[in-house]
Each structure stands twice: as C-alpha cells, then as structure tokens.
Amino acid sequence: MVDQVEEKDSNTMNKVLAGIMILTVVGVVLLKSRETEHLESGASTASTQEAFEAANEKRIAEKNNFY
C-alpha cells in the first residue's frame, strides 16, 4: 500500500516537472520569436545601419581634432 502511494507521488512529480519543462521551452521560443520580429523588415535594418555609420563618422571626426 505504501509502495503504491510512493509510486503515485513519483509519477505525479515526474508529470509536474515535465509540464514545467515544456512550458519553459515554449515560453523561451515565444520570447525569442518576439525578440527577432523587428529584424525581419529590411527597412528598419537599413536605417539602423545608416544611423550607425553617421554616428561612427561623427565620432571619428571629433577624434581627429588637431590642436
């Protein structure tokens, strides 16, 4: 009788842990897909690249002050 209760508790615990792991994996996949949504549009990537290049040129220009 005690063995059956322990086995039932063990099976229940295994099912709970499996459920938690599945929910965690699904959650990570959903968050990752939301994180990379903005990278799918080429226009925003191009404008981001242009902004980076402009900021980099400004940084280089300010660094080359000869006093």
PDB file of N, CA and C in Angstrom:
ATOM      1  N   MET A   1       0.822  -1.190   0.000  1.00  0.00           N
ATOM      2  CA  MET A   1       0.000   0.000   0.000  1.00  0.00           C
ATOM      3  C   MET A   1       0.865   1.253   0.000  1.00  0.00           C
ATOM      4  N   VAL A   2       1.920   1.272   0.849  1.00  0.00           N
ATOM      5  CA  VAL A   2       2.803   2.421   0.913  1.00  0.00           C
ATOM      6  C   VAL A   2       3.592   2.555  -0.382  1.00  0.00           C
ATOM      7  N   ASP A   3       3.980   1.427  -0.965  1.00  0.00           N
ATOM      8  CA  ASP A   3       4.713   1.459  -2.236  1.00  0.00           C
ATOM      9  C   ASP A   3       3.872   2.087  -3.347  1.00  0.00           C
ATOM     10  N   GLN A   4       2.572   1.795  -3.354  1.00  0.00           N
ATOM     11  CA  GLN A   4       1.692   2.357  -4.371  1.00  0.00           C
ATOM     12  C   GLN A   4       1.570   3.874  -4.220  1.00  0.00           C
ATOM     13  N   VAL A   5       1.505   4.352  -2.991  1.00  0.00           N
ATOM     14  CA  VAL A   5       1.400   5.793  -2.741  1.00  0.00           C
ATOM     15  C   VAL A   5       2.683   6.491  -3.178  1.00  0.00           C
ATOM     16  N   GLU A   6       3.840   5.889  -2.835  1.00  0.00           N
ATOM     17  CA  GLU A   6       5.122   6.487  -3.232  1.00  0.00           C
ATOM     18  C   GLU A   6       5.269   6.496  -4.745  1.00  0.00           C
ATOM     19  N   GLU A   7       4.830   5.416  -5.403  1.00  0.00           N
ATOM     20  CA  GLU A   7       4.927   5.348  -6.861  1.00  0.00           C
ATOM     21  C   GLU A   7       4.002   6.385  -7.495  1.00  0.00           C
ATOM     22  N   LYS A   8       2.801   6.557  -6.935  1.00  0.00           N
ATOM     23  CA  LYS A   8       1.862   7.547  -7.456  1.00  0.00           C
ATOM     24  C   LYS A   8       2.419   8.957  -7.281  1.00  0.00           C
ATOM     25  N   ASP A   9       3.031   9.239  -6.124  1.00  0.00           N
ATOM     26  CA  ASP A   9       3.636  10.547  -5.879  1.00  0.00           C
ATOM     27  C   ASP A   9       4.795  10.792  -6.837  1.00  0.00           C
ATOM     28  N   SER A  10       5.572   9.745  -7.092  1.00  0.00           N
ATOM     29  CA  SER A  10       6.711   9.872  -8.005  1.00  0.00           C
ATOM     30  C   SER A  10       6.228  10.160  -9.421  1.00  0.00           C
ATOM     31  N   ASN A  11       5.192   9.452  -9.849  1.00  0.00           N
ATOM     32  CA  ASN A  11       4.645   9.678 -11.194  1.00  0.00           C
ATOM     33  C   ASN A  11       4.068  11.088 -11.308  1.00  0.00           C
ATOM     34  N   THR A  12       3.388  11.534 -10.274  1.00  0.00           N
ATOM     35  CA  THR A  12       2.818  12.881 -10.284  1.00  0.00           C
ATOM     36  C   THR A  12       3.916  13.929 -10.354  1.00  0.00           C
ATOM     37  N   MET A  13       4.970  13.723  -9.587  1.00  0.00           N
ATOM     38  CA  MET A  13       6.086  14.669  -9.594  1.00  0.00           C
ATOM     39  C   MET A  13       6.758  14.702 -10.963  1.00  0.00           C
ATOM     40  N   ASN A  14       6.922  13.542 -11.584  1.00  0.00           N
ATOM     41  CA  ASN A  14       7.518  13.493 -12.923  1.00  0.00           C
ATOM     42  C   ASN A  14       6.653  14.235 -13.933  1.00  0.00           C
ATOM     43  N   LYS A  15       5.341  14.092 -13.828  1.00  0.00           N
ATOM     44  CA  LYS A  15       4.441  14.785 -14.751  1.00  0.00           C
ATOM     45  C   LYS A  15       4.492  16.298 -14.539  1.00  0.00           C
ATOM     46  N   VAL A  16       4.563  16.721 -13.275  1.00  0.00           N
ATOM     47  CA  VAL A  16       4.645  18.153 -12.978  1.00  0.00           C
ATOM     48  C   VAL A  16       5.945  18.723 -13.526  1.00  0.00           C
ATOM     49  N   LEU A  17       7.055  18.037 -13.304  1.00  0.00           N
ATOM     50  CA  LEU A  17       8.344  18.516 -13.816  1.00  0.00           C
ATOM     51  C   LEU A  17       8.362  18.551 -15.336  1.00  0.00           C
ATOM     52  N   ALA A  18       7.793  17.534 -15.979  1.00  0.00           N
ATOM     53  CA  ALA A  18       7.736  17.516 -17.444  1.00  0.00           C
ATOM     54  C   ALA A  18       6.899  18.691 -17.947  1.00  0.00           C
ATOM     55  N   GLY A  19       5.795  18.987 -17.279  1.00  0.00           N
ATOM     56  CA  GLY A  19       4.951  20.109 -17.673  1.00  0.00           C
ATOM     57  C   GLY A  19       5.671  21.433 -17.528  1.00  0.00           C
ATOM     58  N   ILE A  20       6.401  21.588 -16.443  1.00  0.00           N
ATOM     59  CA  ILE A  20       7.161  22.825 -16.230  1.00  0.00           C
ATOM     60  C   ILE A  20       8.225  22.990 -17.305  1.00  0.00           C
ATOM     61  N   MET A  21       8.916  21.910 -17.646  1.00  0.00           N
ATOM     62  CA  MET A  21       9.962  21.994 -18.682  1.00  0.00           C
ATOM     63  C   MET A  21       9.363  22.329 -20.038  1.00  0.00           C
ATOM     64  N   ILE A  22       8.218  21.734 -20.365  1.00  0.00           N
ATOM     65  CA  ILE A  22       7.576  22.018 -21.651  1.00  0.00           C
ATOM     66  C   ILE A  22       7.140  23.482 -21.707  1.00  0.00           C
ATOM     67  N   LEU A  23       6.523  23.969 -20.627  1.00  0.00           N
ATOM     68  CA  LEU A  23       6.112  25.375 -20.595  1.00  0.00           C
ATOM     69  C   LEU A  23       7.306  26.311 -20.710  1.00  0.00           C
ATOM     70  N   THR A  24       8.409  25.946 -20.095  1.00  0.00           N
ATOM     71  CA  THR A  24       9.615  26.774 -20.173  1.00  0.00           C
ATOM     72  C   THR A  24      10.143  26.842 -21.596  1.00  0.00           C
ATOM     73  N   VAL A  25      10.212  25.707 -22.259  1.00  0.00           N
ATOM     74  CA  VAL A  25      10.709  25.676 -23.643  1.00  0.00           C
ATOM     75  C   VAL A  25       9.789  26.482 -24.557  1.00  0.00           C
ATOM     76  N   VAL A  26       8.483  26.301 -24.403  1.00  0.00           N
ATOM     77  CA  VAL A  26       7.535  27.053 -25.237  1.00  0.00           C
ATOM     78  C   VAL A  26       7.663  28.547 -24.964  1.00  0.00           C
ATOM     79  N   GLY A  27       7.807  28.925 -23.697  1.00  0.00           N
ATOM     80  CA  GLY A  27       7.965  30.329 -23.352  1.00  0.00           C
ATOM     81  C   GLY A  27       9.215  30.941 -23.959  1.00  0.00           C
ATOM     82  N   VAL A  28      10.315  30.218 -23.909  1.00  0.00           N
ATOM     83  CA  VAL A  28      11.568  30.725 -24.481  1.00  0.00           C
ATOM     84  C   VAL A  28      11.438  30.882 -25.989  1.00  0.00           C
ATOM     85  N   VAL A  29      10.824  29.920 -26.641  1.00  0.00           N
ATOM     86  CA  VAL A  29      10.647  30.015 -28.100  1.00  0.00           C
ATOM     87  C   VAL A  29       9.779  31.218 -28.446  1.00  0.00           C
ATOM     88  N   LEU A  30       8.703  31.429 -27.704  1.00  0.00           N
ATOM     89  CA  LEU A  30       7.842  32.588 -27.981  1.00  0.00           C
ATOM     90  C   LEU A  30       8.583  33.907 -27.760  1.00  0.00           C
ATOM     91  N   LEU A  31       9.325  33.998 -26.665  1.00  0.00           N
ATOM     92  CA  LEU A  31      10.070  35.231 -26.399  1.00  0.00           C
ATOM     93  C   LEU A  31      11.140  35.468 -27.452  1.00  0.00           C
ATOM     94  N   LYS A  32      11.817  34.418 -27.879  1.00  0.00           N
ATOM     95  CA  LYS A  32      12.856  34.569 -28.902  1.00  0.00           C
ATOM     96  C   LYS A  32      12.249  35.036 -30.216  1.00  0.00           C
ATOM     97  N   SER A  33      11.092  34.504 -30.576  1.00  0.00           N
ATOM     98  CA  SER A  33      10.468  34.910 -31.834  1.00  0.00           C
ATOM     99  C   SER A  33      10.030  36.372 -31.763  1.00  0.00           C
ATOM    100  N   ARG A  34       9.545  36.821 -30.600  1.00  0.00           N
ATOM    101  CA  ARG A  34       9.165  38.227 -30.444  1.00  0.00           C
ATOM    102  C   ARG A  34      10.395  39.131 -30.472  1.00  0.00           C
ATOM    103  N   GLU A  35      11.505  38.639 -29.956  1.00  0.00           N
ATOM    104  CA  GLU A  35      12.730  39.443 -29.891  1.00  0.00           C
ATOM    105  C   GLU A  35      13.276  39.743 -31.275  1.00  0.00           C
ATOM    106  N   THR A  36      13.113  38.814 -32.200  1.00  0.00           N
ATOM    107  CA  THR A  36      13.703  38.975 -33.531  1.00  0.00           C
ATOM    108  C   THR A  36      12.687  39.460 -34.566  1.00  0.00           C
ATOM    109  N   GLU A  37      11.473  39.821 -34.149  1.00  0.00           N
ATOM    110  CA  GLU A  37      10.470  40.304 -35.101  1.00  0.00           C
ATOM    111  C   GLU A  37      10.938  41.529 -35.865  1.00  0.00           C
ATOM    112  N   HIS A  38      11.569  42.457 -35.182  1.00  0.00           N
ATOM    113  CA  HIS A  38      11.970  43.711 -35.824  1.00  0.00           C
ATOM    114  C   HIS A  38      13.083  43.513 -36.841  1.00  0.00           C
ATOM    115  N   LEU A  39      13.780  42.384 -36.791  1.00  0.00           N
ATOM    116  CA  LEU A  39      14.868  42.146 -37.731  1.00  0.00           C
ATOM    117  C   LEU A  39      14.366  41.671 -39.086  1.00  0.00           C
ATOM    118  N   GLU A  40      13.092  41.274 -39.166  1.00  0.00           N
ATOM    119  CA  GLU A  40      12.561  40.735 -40.417  1.00  0.00           C
ATOM    120  C   GLU A  40      12.343  41.819 -41.465  1.00  0.00           C
ATOM    121  N   SER A  41      12.093  43.051 -41.062  1.00  0.00           N
ATOM    122  CA  SER A  41      11.865  44.107 -42.033  1.00  0.00           C
ATOM    123  C   SER A  41      13.196  44.736 -42.435  1.00  0.00           C
ATOM    124  N   GLY A  42      13.464  44.785 -43.719  1.00  0.00           N
ATOM    125  CA  GLY A  42      14.734  45.284 -44.207  1.00  0.00           C
ATOM    126  C   GLY A  42      14.901  46.780 -44.042  1.00  0.00           C
ATOM    127  N   ALA A  43      13.797  47.538 -44.049  1.00  0.00           N
ATOM    128  CA  ALA A  43      13.885  48.999 -43.978  1.00  0.00           C
ATOM    129  C   ALA A  43      14.456  49.453 -42.645  1.00  0.00           C
ATOM    130  N   SER A  44      13.993  48.859 -41.572  1.00  0.00           N
ATOM    131  CA  SER A  44      14.491  49.295 -40.268  1.00  0.00           C
ATOM    132  C   SER A  44      15.956  48.916 -40.099  1.00  0.00           C
ATOM    133  N   THR A  45      16.344  47.797 -40.679  1.00  0.00           N
ATOM    134  CA  THR A  45      17.740  47.396 -40.593  1.00  0.00           C
ATOM    135  C   THR A  45      18.625  48.365 -41.370  1.00  0.00           C
ATOM    136  N   ALA A  46      18.157  48.789 -42.534  1.00  0.00           N
ATOM    137  CA  ALA A  46      18.932  49.733 -43.340  1.00  0.00           C
ATOM    138  C   ALA A  46      19.047  51.075 -42.630  1.00  0.00           C
ATOM    139  N   SER A  47      17.954  51.543 -42.037  1.00  0.00           N
ATOM    140  CA  SER A  47      18.015  52.833 -41.345  1.00  0.00           C
ATOM    141  C   SER A  47      18.890  52.739 -40.105  1.00  0.00           C
ATOM    142  N   THR A  48      18.870  51.600 -39.446  1.00  0.00           N
ATOM    143  CA  THR A  48      19.745  51.409 -38.287  1.00  0.00           C
ATOM    144  C   THR A  48      21.199  51.432 -38.720  1.00  0.00           C
ATOM    145  N   GLN A  49      21.513  50.822 -39.851  1.00  0.00           N
ATOM    146  CA  GLN A  49      22.879  50.811 -40.371  1.00  0.00           C
ATOM    147  C   GLN A  49      23.308  52.223 -40.740  1.00  0.00           C
ATOM    148  N   GLU A  50      22.422  52.994 -41.354  1.00  0.00           N
ATOM    149  CA  GLU A  50      22.752  54.373 -41.717  1.00  0.00           C
ATOM    150  C   GLU A  50      23.012  55.221 -40.474  1.00  0.00           C
ATOM    151  N   ALA A  51      22.193  55.036 -39.449  1.00  0.00           N
ATOM    152  CA  ALA A  51      22.378  55.797 -38.207  1.00  0.00           C
ATOM    153  C   ALA A  51      23.702  55.429 -37.554  1.00  0.00           C
ATOM    154  N   PHE A  52      24.037  54.150 -37.582  1.00  0.00           N
ATOM    155  CA  PHE A  52      25.310  53.720 -37.010  1.00  0.00           C
ATOM    156  C   PHE A  52      26.481  54.336 -37.765  1.00  0.00           C
ATOM    157  N   GLU A  53      26.426  54.317 -39.091  1.00  0.00           N
ATOM    158  CA  GLU A  53      27.512  54.873 -39.889  1.00  0.00           C
ATOM    159  C   GLU A  53      27.656  56.376 -39.660  1.00  0.00           C
ATOM    160  N   ALA A  54      26.529  57.090 -39.553  1.00  0.00           N
ATOM    161  CA  ALA A  54      26.588  58.538 -39.303  1.00  0.00           C
ATOM    162  C   ALA A  54      27.203  58.824 -37.941  1.00  0.00           C
ATOM    163  N   ALA A  55      26.805  58.056 -36.931  1.00  0.00           N
ATOM    164  CA  ALA A  55      27.360  58.251 -35.587  1.00  0.00           C
ATOM    165  C   ALA A  55      28.844  57.910 -35.561  1.00  0.00           C
ATOM    166  N   ASN A  56      29.234  56.890 -36.295  1.00  0.00           N
ATOM    167  CA  ASN A  56      30.636  56.484 -36.342  1.00  0.00           C
ATOM    168  C   ASN A  56      31.484  57.550 -37.039  1.00  0.00           C
ATOM    169  N   GLU A  57      30.977  58.108 -38.137  1.00  0.00           N
ATOM    170  CA  GLU A  57      31.706  59.175 -38.830  1.00  0.00           C
ATOM    171  C   GLU A  57      31.869  60.396 -37.932  1.00  0.00           C
ATOM    172  N   LYS A  58      30.812  60.733 -37.186  1.00  0.00           N
ATOM    173  CA  LYS A  58      30.886  61.866 -36.262  1.00  0.00           C
ATOM    174  C   LYS A  58      31.925  61.605 -35.179  1.00  0.00           C
ATOM    175  N   ARG A  59      31.944  60.392 -34.664  1.00  0.00           N
ATOM    176  CA  ARG A  59      32.912  60.031 -33.625  1.00  0.00           C
ATOM    177  C   ARG A  59      34.336  60.142 -34.159  1.00  0.00           C
ATOM    178  N   ILE A  60      34.558  59.663 -35.363  1.00  0.00           N
ATOM    179  CA  ILE A  60      35.895  59.724 -35.972  1.00  0.00           C
ATOM    180  C   ILE A  60      36.297  61.168 -36.227  1.00  0.00           C
ATOM    181  N   ALA A  61      35.349  61.979 -36.707  1.00  0.00           N
ATOM    182  CA  ALA A  61      35.642  63.385 -36.983  1.00  0.00           C
ATOM    183  C   ALA A  61      36.000  64.136 -35.700  1.00  0.00           C
ATOM    184  N   GLU A  62      35.283  63.856 -34.633  1.00  0.00           N
ATOM    185  CA  GLU A  62      35.576  64.534 -33.369  1.00  0.00           C
ATOM    186  C   GLU A  62      36.891  64.073 -32.769  1.00  0.00           C
ATOM    187  N   LYS A  63      37.296  62.855 -33.063  1.00  0.00           N
ATOM    188  CA  LYS A  63      38.530  62.318 -32.520  1.00  0.00           C
ATOM    189  C   LYS A  63      39.758  62.926 -33.221  1.00  0.00           C
ATOM    190  N   ASN A  64      39.600  63.386 -34.449  1.00  0.00           N
ATOM    191  CA  ASN A  64      40.717  63.880 -35.228  1.00  0.00           C
ATOM    192  C   ASN A  64      40.890  65.397 -35.116  1.00  0.00           C
ATOM    193  N   ASN A  65      40.695  65.937 -33.963  1.00  0.00           N
ATOM    194  CA  ASN A  65      40.926  67.375 -33.760  1.00  0.00           C
ATOM    195  C   ASN A  65      42.418  67.599 -33.507  1.00  0.00           C
ATOM    196  N   PHE A  66      43.016  68.468 -34.339  1.00  0.00           N
ATOM    197  CA  PHE A  66      44.450  68.736 -34.213  1.00  0.00           C
ATOM    198  C   PHE A  66      44.640  70.134 -33.633  1.00  0.00           C
ATOM    199  N   TYR A  67      44.878  70.207 -32.356  1.00  0.00           N
ATOM    200  CA  TYR A  67      45.090  71.489 -31.682  1.00  0.00           C
ATOM    201  C   TYR A  67      46.531  71.689 -31.355  1.00  0.00           C
TER     202      TYR A  67
END
